[in-house]
């Protein structure tokens, strides 16, 4: 459970606030999947009372359309990725080294070659 980013507020976060400085816009949307360092998680009370500095626009995305889990498209993409990762990769063809000499002696698995 993530809590509100506001000082001294211990309520459960329900929305995430991010700023788009280039557009002078504050975007308030559903709670992000992961806590981001440059985003602020807000409780219901603080998200309703949010205001932006003069000249800034506040974009409020619908909080009620938040899905409980991954969509079917997300699950299909995950299944495809798992299938792709599980597909066996044929080993690269290993070329046998060519012998450039003639065998003159052998002891166990060792051979002595001479180059002519």
PDB file of N, CA and C in Angstrom:
ATOM      1  N   UNK A   1       0.838  -1.177   0.000  1.00  0.00           N
ATOM      2  CA  UNK A   1       0.000   0.000   0.000  1.00  0.00           C
ATOM      3  C   UNK A   1       0.885   1.244   0.000  1.00  0.00           C
ATOM      4  N   UNK A   2       0.664   2.137  -0.961  1.00  0.00           N
ATOM      5  CA  UNK A   2       1.403   3.392  -1.014  1.00  0.00           C
ATOM      6  C   UNK A   2       0.568   4.476  -0.350  1.00  0.00           C
ATOM      7  N   UNK A   3       1.239   5.376   0.337  1.00  0.00           N
ATOM      8  CA  UNK A   3       0.534   6.447   1.032  1.00  0.00           C
ATOM      9  C   UNK A   3       0.689   7.764   0.279  1.00  0.00           C
ATOM     10  N   UNK A   4      -0.104   8.726   0.677  1.00  0.00           N
ATOM     11  CA  UNK A   4      -0.107  10.059   0.070  1.00  0.00           C
ATOM     12  C   UNK A   4       1.266  10.713   0.257  1.00  0.00           C
ATOM     13  N   UNK A   5       1.720  11.423  -0.764  1.00  0.00           N
ATOM     14  CA  UNK A   5       3.021  12.100  -0.717  1.00  0.00           C
ATOM     15  C   UNK A   5       2.993  13.397   0.085  1.00  0.00           C
ATOM     16  N   UNK A   6       1.814  13.915   0.395  1.00  0.00           N
ATOM     17  CA  UNK A   6       1.714  15.165   1.140  1.00  0.00           C
ATOM     18  C   UNK A   6       2.232  14.967   2.562  1.00  0.00           C
ATOM     19  N   UNK A   7       2.873  15.975   3.092  1.00  0.00           N
ATOM     20  CA  UNK A   7       3.451  15.920   4.430  1.00  0.00           C
ATOM     21  C   UNK A   7       2.367  15.658   5.468  1.00  0.00           C
ATOM     22  N   UNK A   8       2.631  14.755   6.391  1.00  0.00           N
ATOM     23  CA  UNK A   8       1.755  14.396   7.520  1.00  0.00           C
ATOM     24  C   UNK A   8       0.448  13.752   7.095  1.00  0.00           C
ATOM     25  N   UNK A   9       0.342  13.277   5.864  1.00  0.00           N
ATOM     26  CA  UNK A   9      -0.868  12.569   5.425  1.00  0.00           C
ATOM     27  C   UNK A   9      -0.520  11.085   5.312  1.00  0.00           C
ATOM     28  N   UNK A  10      -1.262  10.257   6.033  1.00  0.00           N
ATOM     29  CA  UNK A  10      -0.986   8.818   6.035  1.00  0.00           C
ATOM     30  C   UNK A  10      -2.076   8.028   5.313  1.00  0.00           C
ATOM     31  N   UNK A  11      -2.938   8.726   4.576  1.00  0.00           N
ATOM     32  CA  UNK A  11      -4.010   8.028   3.862  1.00  0.00           C
ATOM     33  C   UNK A  11      -3.460   7.297   2.645  1.00  0.00           C
ATOM     34  N   UNK A  12      -4.229   6.320   2.175  1.00  0.00           N
ATOM     35  CA  UNK A  12      -3.862   5.490   1.027  1.00  0.00           C
ATOM     36  C   UNK A  12      -3.928   6.323  -0.255  1.00  0.00           C
ATOM     37  N   UNK A  13      -2.904   6.212  -1.083  1.00  0.00           N
ATOM     38  CA  UNK A  13      -2.848   6.951  -2.354  1.00  0.00           C
ATOM     39  C   UNK A  13      -3.790   6.317  -3.370  1.00  0.00           C
ATOM     40  N   UNK A  14      -4.474   7.180  -4.145  1.00  0.00           N
ATOM     41  CA  UNK A  14      -5.397   6.706  -5.180  1.00  0.00           C
ATOM     42  C   UNK A  14      -5.096   7.325  -6.539  1.00  0.00           C
ATOM     43  N   UNK A  15      -4.219   8.316  -6.590  1.00  0.00           N
ATOM     44  CA  UNK A  15      -3.914   9.016  -7.842  1.00  0.00           C
ATOM     45  C   UNK A  15      -2.430   9.378  -7.882  1.00  0.00           C
ATOM     46  N   UNK A  16      -1.932   9.603  -9.092  1.00  0.00           N
ATOM     47  CA  UNK A  16      -0.545  10.009  -9.282  1.00  0.00           C
ATOM     48  C   UNK A  16      -0.521  11.340 -10.017  1.00  0.00           C
ATOM     49  N   UNK A  17       0.268  12.272  -9.503  1.00  0.00           N
ATOM     50  CA  UNK A  17       0.414  13.600 -10.080  1.00  0.00           C
ATOM     51  C   UNK A  17       1.787  13.709 -10.721  1.00  0.00           C
ATOM     52  N   UNK A  18       1.806  14.145 -11.977  1.00  0.00           N
ATOM     53  CA  UNK A  18       3.074  14.400 -12.665  1.00  0.00           C
ATOM     54  C   UNK A  18       2.997  15.782 -13.302  1.00  0.00           C
ATOM     55  N   UNK A  19       4.141  16.399 -13.474  1.00  0.00           N
ATOM     56  CA  UNK A  19       4.214  17.724 -14.075  1.00  0.00           C
ATOM     57  C   UNK A  19       4.893  17.637 -15.432  1.00  0.00           C
ATOM     58  N   UNK A  20       4.330  18.346 -16.418  1.00  0.00           N
ATOM     59  CA  UNK A  20       4.954  18.488 -17.733  1.00  0.00           C
ATOM     60  C   UNK A  20       5.383  19.942 -17.810  1.00  0.00           C
ATOM     61  N   UNK A  21       6.619  20.194 -17.424  1.00  0.00           N
ATOM     62  CA  UNK A  21       7.110  21.566 -17.325  1.00  0.00           C
ATOM     63  C   UNK A  21       7.125  22.280 -18.669  1.00  0.00           C
ATOM     64  N   UNK A  22       7.423  21.570 -19.747  1.00  0.00           N
ATOM     65  CA  UNK A  22       7.491  22.198 -21.068  1.00  0.00           C
ATOM     66  C   UNK A  22       6.135  22.762 -21.487  1.00  0.00           C
ATOM     67  N   UNK A  23       5.044  22.142 -21.043  1.00  0.00           N
ATOM     68  CA  UNK A  23       3.695  22.584 -21.411  1.00  0.00           C
ATOM     69  C   UNK A  23       2.989  23.320 -20.281  1.00  0.00           C
ATOM     70  N   UNK A  24       3.658  23.531 -19.152  1.00  0.00           N
ATOM     71  CA  UNK A  24       3.046  24.148 -17.958  1.00  0.00           C
ATOM     72  C   UNK A  24       1.743  23.430 -17.611  1.00  0.00           C
ATOM     73  N   UNK A  25       1.844  22.114 -17.488  1.00  0.00           N
ATOM     74  CA  UNK A  25       0.673  21.281 -17.243  1.00  0.00           C
ATOM     75  C   UNK A  25       0.932  20.337 -16.080  1.00  0.00           C
ATOM     76  N   UNK A  26      -0.076  20.174 -15.233  1.00  0.00           N
ATOM     77  CA  UNK A  26      -0.053  19.174 -14.169  1.00  0.00           C
ATOM     78  C   UNK A  26      -1.048  18.088 -14.563  1.00  0.00           C
ATOM     79  N   UNK A  27      -0.623  16.839 -14.579  1.00  0.00           N
ATOM     80  CA  UNK A  27      -1.480  15.732 -14.991  1.00  0.00           C
ATOM     81  C   UNK A  27      -1.769  14.871 -13.770  1.00  0.00           C
ATOM     82  N   UNK A  28      -3.057  14.713 -13.466  1.00  0.00           N
ATOM     83  CA  UNK A  28      -3.496  13.892 -12.346  1.00  0.00           C
ATOM     84  C   UNK A  28      -4.259  12.707 -12.920  1.00  0.00           C
ATOM     85  N   UNK A  29      -3.761  11.503 -12.668  1.00  0.00           N
ATOM     86  CA  UNK A  29      -4.380  10.315 -13.227  1.00  0.00           C
ATOM     87  C   UNK A  29      -4.431   9.198 -12.218  1.00  0.00           C
ATOM     88  N   UNK A  30      -4.839   8.003 -12.660  1.00  0.00           N
ATOM     89  CA  UNK A  30      -4.908   6.847 -11.772  1.00  0.00           C
ATOM     90  C   UNK A  30      -3.545   6.545 -11.160  1.00  0.00           C
ATOM     91  N   UNK A  31      -3.542   5.877 -10.043  1.00  0.00           N
ATOM     92  CA  UNK A  31      -2.310   5.525  -9.341  1.00  0.00           C
ATOM     93  C   UNK A  31      -1.402   4.733 -10.270  1.00  0.00           C
ATOM     94  N   UNK A  32      -0.176   5.180 -10.407  1.00  0.00           N
ATOM     95  CA  UNK A  32       0.794   4.513 -11.276  1.00  0.00           C
ATOM     96  C   UNK A  32       1.109   3.123 -10.723  1.00  0.00           C
ATOM     97  N   UNK A  33       1.471   2.220 -11.599  1.00  0.00           N
ATOM     98  CA  UNK A  33       1.801   0.853 -11.199  1.00  0.00           C
ATOM     99  C   UNK A  33       2.993   0.826 -10.260  1.00  0.00           C
ATOM    100  N   UNK A  34       4.002   1.654 -10.540  1.00  0.00           N
ATOM    101  CA  UNK A  34       5.199   1.710  -9.724  1.00  0.00           C
ATOM    102  C   UNK A  34       5.409   3.137  -9.225  1.00  0.00           C
ATOM    103  N   UNK A  35       6.001   3.281  -8.057  1.00  0.00           N
ATOM    104  CA  UNK A  35       6.322   4.601  -7.526  1.00  0.00           C
ATOM    105  C   UNK A  35       7.464   5.187  -8.352  1.00  0.00           C
ATOM    106  N   UNK A  36       7.261   6.364  -8.897  1.00  0.00           N
ATOM    107  CA  UNK A  36       8.262   7.040  -9.707  1.00  0.00           C
ATOM    108  C   UNK A  36       8.896   8.162  -8.886  1.00  0.00           C
ATOM    109  N   UNK A  37      10.186   8.429  -9.074  1.00  0.00           N
ATOM    110  CA  UNK A  37      10.835   9.466  -8.271  1.00  0.00           C
ATOM    111  C   UNK A  37      10.344  10.882  -8.572  1.00  0.00           C
ATOM    112  N   UNK A  38       9.834  11.152  -9.789  1.00  0.00           N
ATOM    113  CA  UNK A  38       9.410  12.504 -10.150  1.00  0.00           C
ATOM    114  C   UNK A  38       7.893  12.622 -10.232  1.00  0.00           C
ATOM    115  N   UNK A  39       7.185  11.712  -9.580  1.00  0.00           N
ATOM    116  CA  UNK A  39       5.728  11.750  -9.536  1.00  0.00           C
ATOM    117  C   UNK A  39       5.292  11.741  -8.076  1.00  0.00           C
ATOM    118  N   UNK A  40       4.087  12.233  -7.837  1.00  0.00           N
ATOM    119  CA  UNK A  40       3.581  12.332  -6.475  1.00  0.00           C
ATOM    120  C   UNK A  40       2.294  11.527  -6.363  1.00  0.00           C
ATOM    121  N   UNK A  41       2.240  10.639  -5.388  1.00  0.00           N
ATOM    122  CA  UNK A  41       1.037   9.863  -5.129  1.00  0.00           C
ATOM    123  C   UNK A  41       0.167  10.657  -4.161  1.00  0.00           C
ATOM    124  N   UNK A  42      -1.112  10.785  -4.479  1.00  0.00           N
ATOM    125  CA  UNK A  42      -2.018  11.572  -3.653  1.00  0.00           C
ATOM    126  C   UNK A  42      -3.224  10.745  -3.217  1.00  0.00           C
ATOM    127  N   UNK A  43      -3.725  11.046  -2.009  1.00  0.00           N
ATOM    128  CA  UNK A  43      -4.944  10.400  -1.523  1.00  0.00           C
ATOM    129  C   UNK A  43      -6.145  11.056  -2.218  1.00  0.00           C
ATOM    130  N   UNK A  44      -7.325  10.518  -1.989  1.00  0.00           N
ATOM    131  CA  UNK A  44      -8.526  11.039  -2.645  1.00  0.00           C
ATOM    132  C   UNK A  44      -8.770  12.500  -2.275  1.00  0.00           C
ATOM    133  N   UNK A  45      -8.623  12.831  -0.995  1.00  0.00           N
ATOM    134  CA  UNK A  45      -8.882  14.196  -0.537  1.00  0.00           C
ATOM    135  C   UNK A  45      -7.924  15.195  -1.191  1.00  0.00           C
ATOM    136  N   UNK A  46      -6.641  14.901  -1.203  1.00  0.00           N
ATOM    137  CA  UNK A  46      -5.681  15.825  -1.781  1.00  0.00           C
ATOM    138  C   UNK A  46      -5.789  15.880  -3.312  1.00  0.00           C
ATOM    139  N   UNK A  47      -6.170  14.797  -3.954  1.00  0.00           N
ATOM    140  CA  UNK A  47      -6.314  14.833  -5.407  1.00  0.00           C
ATOM    141  C   UNK A  47      -7.518  15.672  -5.817  1.00  0.00           C
ATOM    142  N   UNK A  48      -8.576  15.708  -5.000  1.00  0.00           N
ATOM    143  CA  UNK A  48      -9.749  16.528  -5.312  1.00  0.00           C
ATOM    144  C   UNK A  48      -9.461  18.007  -5.110  1.00  0.00           C
ATOM    145  N   UNK A  49      -8.622  18.356  -4.142  1.00  0.00           N
ATOM    146  CA  UNK A  49      -8.336  19.756  -3.820  1.00  0.00           C
ATOM    147  C   UNK A  49      -7.121  20.305  -4.574  1.00  0.00           C
ATOM    148  N   UNK A  50      -6.570  19.545  -5.496  1.00  0.00           N
ATOM    149  CA  UNK A  50      -5.361  19.954  -6.204  1.00  0.00           C
ATOM    150  C   UNK A  50      -5.596  21.219  -7.023  1.00  0.00           C
ATOM    151  N   UNK A  51      -4.680  22.162  -6.932  1.00  0.00           N
ATOM    152  CA  UNK A  51      -4.694  23.345  -7.797  1.00  0.00           C
ATOM    153  C   UNK A  51      -3.277  23.532  -8.329  1.00  0.00           C
ATOM    154  N   UNK A  52      -3.188  24.216  -9.458  1.00  0.00           N
ATOM    155  CA  UNK A  52      -1.884  24.437 -10.092  1.00  0.00           C
ATOM    156  C   UNK A  52      -1.528  25.914 -10.021  1.00  0.00           C
ATOM    157  N   UNK A  53      -0.267  26.243 -10.199  1.00  0.00           N
ATOM    158  CA  UNK A  53       0.145  27.654 -10.197  1.00  0.00           C
ATOM    159  C   UNK A  53      -0.557  28.435 -11.316  1.00  0.00           C
ATOM    160  N   UNK A  54      -0.619  29.746 -11.160  1.00  0.00           N
ATOM    161  CA  UNK A  54      -1.256  30.608 -12.153  1.00  0.00           C
ATOM    162  C   UNK A  54      -0.567  30.406 -13.504  1.00  0.00           C
ATOM    163  N   UNK A  55      -1.368  30.250 -14.531  1.00  0.00           N
ATOM    164  CA  UNK A  55      -0.843  30.044 -15.880  1.00  0.00           C
ATOM    165  C   UNK A  55      -0.657  28.582 -16.240  1.00  0.00           C
ATOM    166  N   UNK A  56      -0.810  27.699 -15.276  1.00  0.00           N
ATOM    167  CA  UNK A  56      -0.682  26.273 -15.529  1.00  0.00           C
ATOM    168  C   UNK A  56      -2.056  25.669 -15.752  1.00  0.00           C
ATOM    169  N   UNK A  57      -2.088  24.574 -16.490  1.00  0.00           N
ATOM    170  CA  UNK A  57      -3.331  23.844 -16.747  1.00  0.00           C
ATOM    171  C   UNK A  57      -3.283  22.524 -15.974  1.00  0.00           C
ATOM    172  N   UNK A  58      -4.425  22.125 -15.422  1.00  0.00           N
ATOM    173  CA  UNK A  58      -4.520  20.836 -14.736  1.00  0.00           C
ATOM    174  C   UNK A  58      -5.331  19.896 -15.621  1.00  0.00           C
ATOM    175  N   UNK A  59      -4.750  18.770 -15.972  1.00  0.00           N
ATOM    176  CA  UNK A  59      -5.440  17.746 -16.748  1.00  0.00           C
ATOM    177  C   UNK A  59      -5.779  16.623 -15.786  1.00  0.00           C
ATOM    178  N   UNK A  60      -7.067  16.337 -15.622  1.00  0.00           N
ATOM    179  CA  UNK A  60      -7.520  15.282 -14.714  1.00  0.00           C
ATOM    180  C   UNK A  60      -8.007  14.100 -15.541  1.00  0.00           C
ATOM    181  N   UNK A  61      -7.296  13.018 -15.445  1.00  0.00           N
ATOM    182  CA  UNK A  61      -7.712  11.785 -16.110  1.00  0.00           C
ATOM    183  C   UNK A  61      -8.663  11.052 -15.177  1.00  0.00           C
ATOM    184  N   UNK A  62      -9.597  10.323 -15.745  1.00  0.00           N
ATOM    185  CA  UNK A  62     -10.604   9.635 -14.950  1.00  0.00           C
ATOM    186  C   UNK A  62      -9.962   8.595 -14.037  1.00  0.00           C
ATOM    187  N   UNK A  63     -10.261   8.695 -12.757  1.00  0.00           N
ATOM    188  CA  UNK A  63      -9.715   7.743 -11.786  1.00  0.00           C
ATOM    189  C   UNK A  63     -10.566   6.490 -11.696  1.00  0.00           C
ATOM    190  N   UNK A  64     -11.819   6.558 -12.110  1.00  0.00           N
ATOM    191  CA  UNK A  64     -12.738   5.431 -11.974  1.00  0.00           C
ATOM    192  C   UNK A  64     -12.542   4.337 -12.996  1.00  0.00           C
ATOM    193  N   UNK A  65     -11.788   4.583 -14.063  1.00  0.00           N
ATOM    194  CA  UNK A  65     -11.613   3.575 -15.108  1.00  0.00           C
ATOM    195  C   UNK A  65     -10.379   2.721 -14.894  1.00  0.00           C
ATOM    196  N   UNK A  66      -9.814   2.784 -13.712  1.00  0.00           N
ATOM    197  CA  UNK A  66      -8.603   2.017 -13.420  1.00  0.00           C
ATOM    198  C   UNK A  66      -8.926   0.531 -13.428  1.00  0.00           C
ATOM    199  N   UNK A  67      -8.142  -0.236 -14.155  1.00  0.00           N
ATOM    200  CA  UNK A  67      -8.368  -1.671 -14.244  1.00  0.00           C
ATOM    201  C   UNK A  67      -7.799  -2.363 -13.010  1.00  0.00           C
ATOM    202  N   UNK A  68      -8.453  -3.448 -12.613  1.00  0.00           N
ATOM    203  CA  UNK A  68      -8.002  -4.197 -11.444  1.00  0.00           C
ATOM    204  C   UNK A  68      -6.727  -4.990 -11.742  1.00  0.00           C
ATOM    205  N   UNK A  69      -6.501  -5.321 -12.986  1.00  0.00           N
ATOM    206  CA  UNK A  69      -5.326  -6.110 -13.339  1.00  0.00           C
ATOM    207  C   UNK A  69      -4.931  -5.847 -14.773  1.00  0.00           C
ATOM    208  N   UNK A  70      -4.031  -6.655 -15.299  1.00  0.00           N
ATOM    209  CA  UNK A  70      -3.593  -6.464 -16.677  1.00  0.00           C
ATOM    210  C   UNK A  70      -4.721  -6.753 -17.657  1.00  0.00           C
ATOM    211  N   UNK A  71      -4.704  -6.072 -18.791  1.00  0.00           N
ATOM    212  CA  UNK A  71      -5.715  -6.304 -19.820  1.00  0.00           C
ATOM    213  C   UNK A  71      -5.383  -7.585 -20.583  1.00  0.00           C
ATOM    214  N   UNK A  72      -6.316  -8.017 -21.420  1.00  0.00           N
ATOM    215  CA  UNK A  72      -6.078  -9.233 -22.198  1.00  0.00           C
ATOM    216  C   UNK A  72      -4.934  -9.028 -23.188  1.00  0.00           C
ATOM    217  N   UNK A  73      -4.778  -7.796 -23.696  1.00  0.00           N
ATOM    218  CA  UNK A  73      -3.654  -7.513 -24.597  1.00  0.00           C
ATOM    219  C   UNK A  73      -2.324  -7.655 -23.874  1.00  0.00           C
ATOM    220  N   UNK A  74      -2.272  -7.196 -22.621  1.00  0.00           N
ATOM    221  CA  UNK A  74      -1.051  -7.330 -21.831  1.00  0.00           C
ATOM    222  C   UNK A  74      -0.711  -8.796 -21.610  1.00  0.00           C
ATOM    223  N   UNK A  75      -1.728  -9.604 -21.305  1.00  0.00           N
ATOM    224  CA  UNK A  75      -1.498 -11.030 -21.055  1.00  0.00           C
ATOM    225  C   UNK A  75      -1.039 -11.753 -22.319  1.00  0.00           C
ATOM    226  N   UNK A  76      -1.632 -11.400 -23.471  1.00  0.00           N
ATOM    227  CA  UNK A  76      -1.208 -12.025 -24.723  1.00  0.00           C
ATOM    228  C   UNK A  76       0.224 -11.648 -25.080  1.00  0.00           C
ATOM    229  N   UNK A  77       0.588 -10.403 -24.860  1.00  0.00           N
ATOM    230  CA  UNK A  77       1.961  -9.968 -25.132  1.00  0.00           C
ATOM    231  C   UNK A  77       2.949 -10.696 -24.224  1.00  0.00           C
ATOM    232  N   UNK A  78       2.576 -10.880 -22.972  1.00  0.00           N
ATOM    233  CA  UNK A  78       3.432 -11.605 -22.039  1.00  0.00           C
ATOM    234  C   UNK A  78       3.581 -13.066 -22.455  1.00  0.00           C
ATOM    235  N   UNK A  79       2.475 -13.697 -22.854  1.00  0.00           N
ATOM    236  CA  UNK A  79       2.528 -15.092 -23.296  1.00  0.00           C
ATOM    237  C   UNK A  79       3.408 -15.238 -24.534  1.00  0.00           C
ATOM    238  N   UNK A  80       3.302 -14.296 -25.483  1.00  0.00           N
ATOM    239  CA  UNK A  80       4.147 -14.341 -26.681  1.00  0.00           C
ATOM    240  C   UNK A  80       5.625 -14.197 -26.331  1.00  0.00           C
ATOM    241  N   UNK A  81       5.928 -13.312 -25.382  1.00  0.00           N
ATOM    242  CA  UNK A  81       7.317 -13.116 -24.967  1.00  0.00           C
ATOM    243  C   UNK A  81       7.879 -14.369 -24.307  1.00  0.00           C
ATOM    244  N   UNK A  82       7.056 -15.051 -23.493  1.00  0.00           N
ATOM    245  CA  UNK A  82       7.509 -16.285 -22.842  1.00  0.00           C
ATOM    246  C   UNK A  82       7.741 -17.369 -23.873  1.00  0.00           C
ATOM    247  N   UNK A  83       6.831 -17.496 -24.850  1.00  0.00           N
ATOM    248  CA  UNK A  83       7.014 -18.495 -25.913  1.00  0.00           C
ATOM    249  C   UNK A  83       8.298 -18.232 -26.703  1.00  0.00           C
ATOM    250  N   UNK A  84       8.536 -16.971 -27.016  1.00  0.00           N
ATOM    251  CA  UNK A  84       9.741 -16.615 -27.778  1.00  0.00           C
ATOM    252  C   UNK A  84      11.005 -16.943 -26.996  1.00  0.00           C
ATOM    253  N   UNK A  85      10.992 -16.669 -25.696  1.00  0.00           N
ATOM    254  CA  UNK A  85      12.167 -16.947 -24.864  1.00  0.00           C
ATOM    255  C   UNK A  85      12.389 -18.445 -24.690  1.00  0.00           C
ATOM    256  N   UNK A  86      11.313 -19.234 -24.728  1.00  0.00           N
ATOM    257  CA  UNK A  86      11.435 -20.678 -24.528  1.00  0.00           C
ATOM    258  C   UNK A  86      11.804 -21.419 -25.808  1.00  0.00           C
ATOM    259  N   UNK A  87      11.716 -20.754 -26.939  1.00  0.00           N
ATOM    260  CA  UNK A  87      12.019 -21.405 -28.215  1.00  0.00           C
ATOM    261  C   UNK A  87      13.496 -21.786 -28.236  1.00  0.00           C
ATOM    262  N   UNK A  88      13.796 -23.069 -28.529  1.00  0.00           N
ATOM    263  CA  UNK A  88      15.205 -23.499 -28.519  1.00  0.00           C
ATOM    264  C   UNK A  88      15.991 -22.819 -29.634  1.00  0.00           C
ATOM    265  N   UNK A  89      17.193 -22.467 -29.318  1.00  0.00           N
ATOM    266  CA  UNK A  89      18.099 -21.846 -30.280  1.00  0.00           C
ATOM    267  C   UNK A  89      19.108 -22.905 -30.695  1.00  0.00           C
ATOM    268  N   UNK A  90      19.192 -23.199 -31.995  1.00  0.00           N
ATOM    269  CA  UNK A  90      20.160 -24.219 -32.415  1.00  0.00           C
ATOM    270  C   UNK A  90      21.583 -23.750 -32.124  1.00  0.00           C
ATOM    271  N   UNK A  91      22.422 -24.672 -31.655  1.00  0.00           N
ATOM    272  CA  UNK A  91      23.803 -24.274 -31.370  1.00  0.00           C
ATOM    273  C   UNK A  91      24.529 -23.922 -32.667  1.00  0.00           C
ATOM    274  N   UNK A  92      25.420 -22.980 -32.607  1.00  0.00           N
ATOM    275  CA  UNK A  92      26.156 -22.607 -33.822  1.00  0.00           C
ATOM    276  C   UNK A  92      27.028 -23.769 -34.289  1.00  0.00           C
ATOM    277  N   UNK A  93      27.171 -23.871 -35.590  1.00  0.00           N
ATOM    278  CA  UNK A  93      27.995 -24.937 -36.159  1.00  0.00           C
ATOM    279  C   UNK A  93      29.448 -24.704 -35.769  1.00  0.00           C
ATOM    280  N   UNK A  94      30.050 -25.746 -35.196  1.00  0.00           N
ATOM    281  CA  UNK A  94      31.441 -25.648 -34.769  1.00  0.00           C
ATOM    282  C   UNK A  94      32.307 -26.289 -35.843  1.00  0.00           C
ATOM    283  N   UNK A  95      33.189 -25.498 -36.373  1.00  0.00           N
ATOM    284  CA  UNK A  95      34.076 -26.002 -37.411  1.00  0.00           C
ATOM    285  C   UNK A  95      35.276 -26.676 -36.757  1.00  0.00           C
ATOM    286  N   UNK A  96      35.550 -27.879 -37.176  1.00  0.00           N
ATOM    287  CA  UNK A  96      36.680 -28.616 -36.640  1.00  0.00           C
ATOM    288  C   UNK A  96      37.976 -27.984 -37.134  1.00  0.00           C
ATOM    289  N   UNK A  97      38.927 -27.809 -36.249  1.00  0.00           N
ATOM    290  CA  UNK A  97      40.200 -27.205 -36.687  1.00  0.00           C
ATOM    291  C   UNK A  97      40.926 -28.137 -37.649  1.00  0.00           C
ATOM    292  N   UNK A  98      41.550 -27.532 -38.626  1.00  0.00           N
ATOM    293  CA  UNK A  98      42.307 -28.323 -39.592  1.00  0.00           C
ATOM    294  C   UNK A  98      43.700 -28.567 -39.047  1.00  0.00           C
ATOM    295  N   UNK A  99      44.139 -29.770 -39.265  1.00  0.00           N
ATOM    296  CA  UNK A  99      45.498 -30.094 -38.840  1.00  0.00           C
ATOM    297  C   UNK A  99      46.451 -29.656 -39.929  1.00  0.00           C
ATOM    298  N   UNK A 100      47.488 -28.985 -39.513  1.00  0.00           N
ATOM    299  CA  UNK A 100      48.450 -28.478 -40.498  1.00  0.00           C
ATOM    300  C   UNK A 100      49.761 -29.238 -40.466  1.00  0.00           C
ATOM    301  N   UNK A 101      49.801 -30.259 -39.640  1.00  0.00           N
ATOM    302  CA  UNK A 101      51.063 -30.994 -39.546  1.00  0.00           C
ATOM    303  C   UNK A 101      50.849 -32.495 -39.618  1.00  0.00           C
ATOM    304  N   UNK A 102      51.943 -33.212 -39.437  1.00  0.00           N
ATOM    305  CA  UNK A 102      51.932 -34.671 -39.497  1.00  0.00           C
ATOM    306  C   UNK A 102      52.245 -35.181 -38.106  1.00  0.00           C
ATOM    307  N   UNK A 103      51.509 -36.236 -37.684  1.00  0.00           N
ATOM    308  CA  UNK A 103      51.694 -36.797 -36.342  1.00  0.00           C
ATOM    309  C   UNK A 103      52.998 -37.585 -36.302  1.00  0.00           C
ATOM    310  N   UNK A 104      53.845 -37.268 -35.321  1.00  0.00           N
ATOM    311  CA  UNK A 104      55.116 -37.972 -35.195  1.00  0.00           C
ATOM    312  C   UNK A 104      55.180 -38.781 -33.909  1.00  0.00           C
ATOM    313  N   UNK A 105      54.385 -38.440 -32.903  1.00  0.00           N
ATOM    314  CA  UNK A 105      54.401 -39.195 -31.654  1.00  0.00           C
ATOM    315  C   UNK A 105      53.047 -39.036 -30.972  1.00  0.00           C
ATOM    316  N   UNK A 106      52.713 -40.015 -30.085  1.00  0.00           N
ATOM    317  CA  UNK A 106      51.460 -39.972 -29.356  1.00  0.00           C
ATOM    318  C   UNK A 106      51.695 -40.542 -27.968  1.00  0.00           C
ATOM    319  N   UNK A 107      51.108 -39.879 -26.938  1.00  0.00           N
ATOM    320  CA  UNK A 107      51.181 -40.394 -25.586  1.00  0.00           C
ATOM    321  C   UNK A 107      49.826 -40.117 -24.939  1.00  0.00           C
ATOM    322  N   UNK A 108      49.008 -41.155 -24.776  1.00  0.00           N
ATOM    323  CA  UNK A 108      47.666 -40.995 -24.235  1.00  0.00           C
ATOM    324  C   UNK A 108      46.815 -40.211 -25.218  1.00  0.00           C
ATOM    325  N   UNK A 109      46.230 -39.130 -24.759  1.00  0.00           N
ATOM    326  CA  UNK A 109      45.385 -38.314 -25.639  1.00  0.00           C
ATOM    327  C   UNK A 109      46.160 -37.166 -26.291  1.00  0.00           C
ATOM    328  N   UNK A 110      47.451 -37.079 -26.024  1.00  0.00           N
ATOM    329  CA  UNK A 110      48.269 -36.013 -26.584  1.00  0.00           C
ATOM    330  C   UNK A 110      48.954 -36.496 -27.855  1.00  0.00           C
ATOM    331  N   UNK A 111      49.064 -35.577 -28.823  1.00  0.00           N
ATOM    332  CA  UNK A 111      49.752 -35.893 -30.062  1.00  0.00           C
ATOM    333  C   UNK A 111      50.811 -34.835 -30.339  1.00  0.00           C
ATOM    334  N   UNK A 112      51.895 -35.248 -30.923  1.00  0.00           N
ATOM    335  CA  UNK A 112      52.929 -34.297 -31.330  1.00  0.00           C
ATOM    336  C   UNK A 112      52.879 -34.220 -32.848  1.00  0.00           C
ATOM    337  N   UNK A 113      52.742 -32.988 -33.326  1.00  0.00           N
ATOM    338  CA  UNK A 113      52.658 -32.768 -34.768  1.00  0.00           C
ATOM    339  C   UNK A 113      53.892 -32.009 -35.215  1.00  0.00           C
ATOM    340  N   UNK A 114      54.251 -32.244 -36.442  1.00  0.00           N
ATOM    341  CA  UNK A 114      55.358 -31.501 -37.035  1.00  0.00           C
ATOM    342  C   UNK A 114      54.841 -30.804 -38.287  1.00  0.00           C
ATOM    343  N   UNK A 115      55.344 -29.624 -38.510  1.00  0.00           N
ATOM    344  CA  UNK A 115      54.949 -28.906 -39.724  1.00  0.00           C
ATOM    345  C   UNK A 115      56.061 -29.043 -40.733  1.00  0.00           C
ATOM    346  N   UNK A 116      55.716 -29.416 -41.892  1.00  0.00           N
ATOM    347  CA  UNK A 116      56.725 -29.626 -42.947  1.00  0.00           C
ATOM    348  C   UNK A 116      56.719 -28.510 -43.902  1.00  0.00           C
TER     349      UNK A 116
END
